C-alpha atoms as a PDB file:
ATOM      1  CA  UNK A   1     119.685  52.131 124.960  1.00  0.00           C
ATOM      2  CA  UNK A   2     119.526  55.307 122.928  1.00  0.00           C
ATOM      3  CA  UNK A   3     117.932  58.595 123.713  1.00  0.00           C
ATOM      4  CA  UNK A   4     115.144  58.105 121.160  1.00  0.00           C
ATOM      5  CA  UNK A   5     113.652  54.628 121.220  1.00  0.00           C
ATOM      6  CA  UNK A   6     110.851  53.314 118.970  1.00  0.00           C
ATOM      7  CA  UNK A   7     108.343  53.707 121.812  1.00  0.00           C
ATOM      8  CA  UNK A   8     109.268  57.372 122.135  1.00  0.00           C
ATOM      9  CA  UNK A   9     108.774  57.924 118.387  1.00  0.00           C
ATOM     10  CA  UNK A  10     105.325  56.336 118.526  1.00  0.00           C
ATOM     11  CA  UNK A  11     104.377  58.580 121.440  1.00  0.00           C
ATOM     12  CA  UNK A  12     105.643  61.702 119.642  1.00  0.00           C
ATOM     13  CA  UNK A  13     103.712  60.781 116.483  1.00  0.00           C
ATOM     14  CA  UNK A  14     100.551  60.119 118.501  1.00  0.00           C
ATOM     15  CA  UNK A  15     100.799  63.511 120.221  1.00  0.00           C
ATOM     16  CA  UNK A  16     101.418  65.222 116.860  1.00  0.00           C
ATOM     17  CA  UNK A  17      98.353  63.476 115.425  1.00  0.00           C
ATOM     18  CA  UNK A  18      96.208  64.671 118.325  1.00  0.00           C
ATOM     19  CA  UNK A  19      97.522  68.247 118.225  1.00  0.00           C
ATOM     20  CA  UNK A  20      97.547  68.830 114.449  1.00  0.00           C
ATOM     21  CA  UNK A  21      94.941  66.348 113.208  1.00  0.00           C
ATOM     22  CA  UNK A  22      95.261  63.833 110.395  1.00  0.00           C
ATOM     23  CA  UNK A  23      94.824  66.402 107.610  1.00  0.00           C
ATOM     24  CA  UNK A  24      97.739  68.575 108.682  1.00  0.00           C
ATOM     25  CA  UNK A  25     100.286  65.786 109.240  1.00  0.00           C
ATOM     26  CA  UNK A  26     100.858  65.413 105.483  1.00  0.00           C
ATOM     27  CA  UNK A  27     101.260  69.169 105.091  1.00  0.00           C
ATOM     28  CA  UNK A  28     103.770  69.259 107.938  1.00  0.00           C
ATOM     29  CA  UNK A  29     105.749  66.417 106.381  1.00  0.00           C
ATOM     30  CA  UNK A  30     105.788  68.158 103.002  1.00  0.00           C
ATOM     31  CA  UNK A  31     106.900  71.443 104.579  1.00  0.00           C
ATOM     32  CA  UNK A  32     109.614  69.665 106.541  1.00  0.00           C
ATOM     33  CA  UNK A  33     110.886  67.897 103.413  1.00  0.00           C
ATOM     34  CA  UNK A  34     110.837  71.131 101.404  1.00  0.00           C
ATOM     35  CA  UNK A  35     112.798  72.894 104.153  1.00  0.00           C
ATOM     36  CA  UNK A  36     115.436  70.166 104.240  1.00  0.00           C
ATOM     37  CA  UNK A  37     115.726  70.249 100.435  1.00  0.00           C
ATOM     38  CA  UNK A  38     116.143  74.043 100.429  1.00  0.00           C
ATOM     39  CA  UNK A  39     118.739  73.834 103.205  1.00  0.00           C
ATOM     40  CA  UNK A  40     120.694  71.180 101.295  1.00  0.00           C
ATOM     41  CA  UNK A  41     120.562  73.232  98.087  1.00  0.00           C
ATOM     42  CA  UNK A  42     121.727  76.357  99.913  1.00  0.00           C
ATOM     43  CA  UNK A  43     124.573  74.541 101.668  1.00  0.00           C
ATOM     44  CA  UNK A  44     125.794  73.120  98.336  1.00  0.00           C
ATOM     45  CA  UNK A  45     125.611  76.546  96.693  1.00  0.00           C
ATOM     46  CA  UNK A  46     122.831  75.680  94.255  1.00  0.00           C
ATOM     47  CA  UNK A  47     120.237  78.349  93.541  1.00  0.00           C
ATOM     48  CA  UNK A  48     116.909  76.744  92.656  1.00  0.00           C
ATOM     49  CA  UNK A  49     114.724  78.502  90.120  1.00  0.00           C
ATOM     50  CA  UNK A  50     111.268  79.534  91.326  1.00  0.00           C
ATOM     51  CA  UNK A  51     108.606  76.990  90.408  1.00  0.00           C
ATOM     52  CA  UNK A  52     106.295  79.732  89.152  1.00  0.00           C
ATOM     53  CA  UNK A  53     108.740  80.587  86.385  1.00  0.00           C
ATOM     54  CA  UNK A  54     109.321  76.985  85.283  1.00  0.00           C
ATOM     55  CA  UNK A  55     105.774  75.766  84.906  1.00  0.00           C
ATOM     56  CA  UNK A  56     102.820  77.086  82.950  1.00  0.00           C
ATOM     57  CA  UNK A  57     101.755  80.695  83.474  1.00  0.00           C
ATOM     58  CA  UNK A  58      98.324  81.233  85.046  1.00  0.00           C
ATOM     59  CA  UNK A  59      96.225  84.372  85.385  1.00  0.00           C
ATOM     60  CA  UNK A  60      95.978  85.716  88.933  1.00  0.00           C
ATOM     61  CA  UNK A  61      92.352  86.811  88.414  1.00  0.00           C
ATOM     62  CA  UNK A  62      90.645  83.874  86.707  1.00  0.00           C
ATOM     63  CA  UNK A  63      93.284  81.103  86.847  1.00  0.00           C
ATOM     64  CA  UNK A  64      93.319  80.460  83.081  1.00  0.00           C
ATOM     65  CA  UNK A  65      96.526  79.107  81.523  1.00  0.00           C
ATOM     66  CA  UNK A  66      98.435  81.768  79.593  1.00  0.00           C
ATOM     67  CA  UNK A  67     101.131  81.834  76.913  1.00  0.00           C
ATOM     68  CA  UNK A  68     104.556  82.895  78.187  1.00  0.00           C
ATOM     69  CA  UNK A  69     104.612  86.206  76.293  1.00  0.00           C
ATOM     70  CA  UNK A  70     101.079  87.367  77.224  1.00  0.00           C
ATOM     71  CA  UNK A  71     100.779  90.771  78.895  1.00  0.00           C
ATOM     72  CA  UNK A  72      97.017  90.466  79.380  1.00  0.00           C
ATOM     73  CA  UNK A  73      94.902  87.431  80.237  1.00  0.00           C
ATOM     74  CA  UNK A  74      93.446  85.799  77.136  1.00  0.00           C
ATOM     75  CA  UNK A  75      90.319  84.758  79.075  1.00  0.00           C
ATOM     76  CA  UNK A  76      89.399  87.752  81.260  1.00  0.00           C
ATOM     77  CA  UNK A  77      91.618  90.535  79.875  1.00  0.00           C
ATOM     78  CA  UNK A  78      93.204  91.531  83.182  1.00  0.00           C
ATOM     79  CA  UNK A  79      96.834  92.708  83.050  1.00  0.00           C
ATOM     80  CA  UNK A  80      99.515  90.457  84.496  1.00  0.00           C
ATOM     81  CA  UNK A  81     101.193  91.993  87.548  1.00  0.00           C
ATOM     82  CA  UNK A  82     104.336  89.847  87.397  1.00  0.00           C
ATOM     83  CA  UNK A  83     105.733  89.391  83.891  1.00  0.00           C
ATOM     84  CA  UNK A  84     106.524  85.779  82.971  1.00  0.00           C
ATOM     85  CA  UNK A  85     110.165  84.839  82.425  1.00  0.00           C
END
């Protein structure tokens, strides 16, 4: 007999479902997985690049996709606060 048995896990999951609701359980799982991944990367000495610099560049005002070298939004004309890499 271990400390955590399958019946205990079911009870913990049921309480979490009641407390957080079904919509937040997925978000909690994603946050937990992201935290474990970041911890593993940090313990192995890897430095992950920010996702905002890897993917497409979007305007903070209107959300339009932008070319990497744009200093102003091509759709609304607002200046970019953070320059793309």
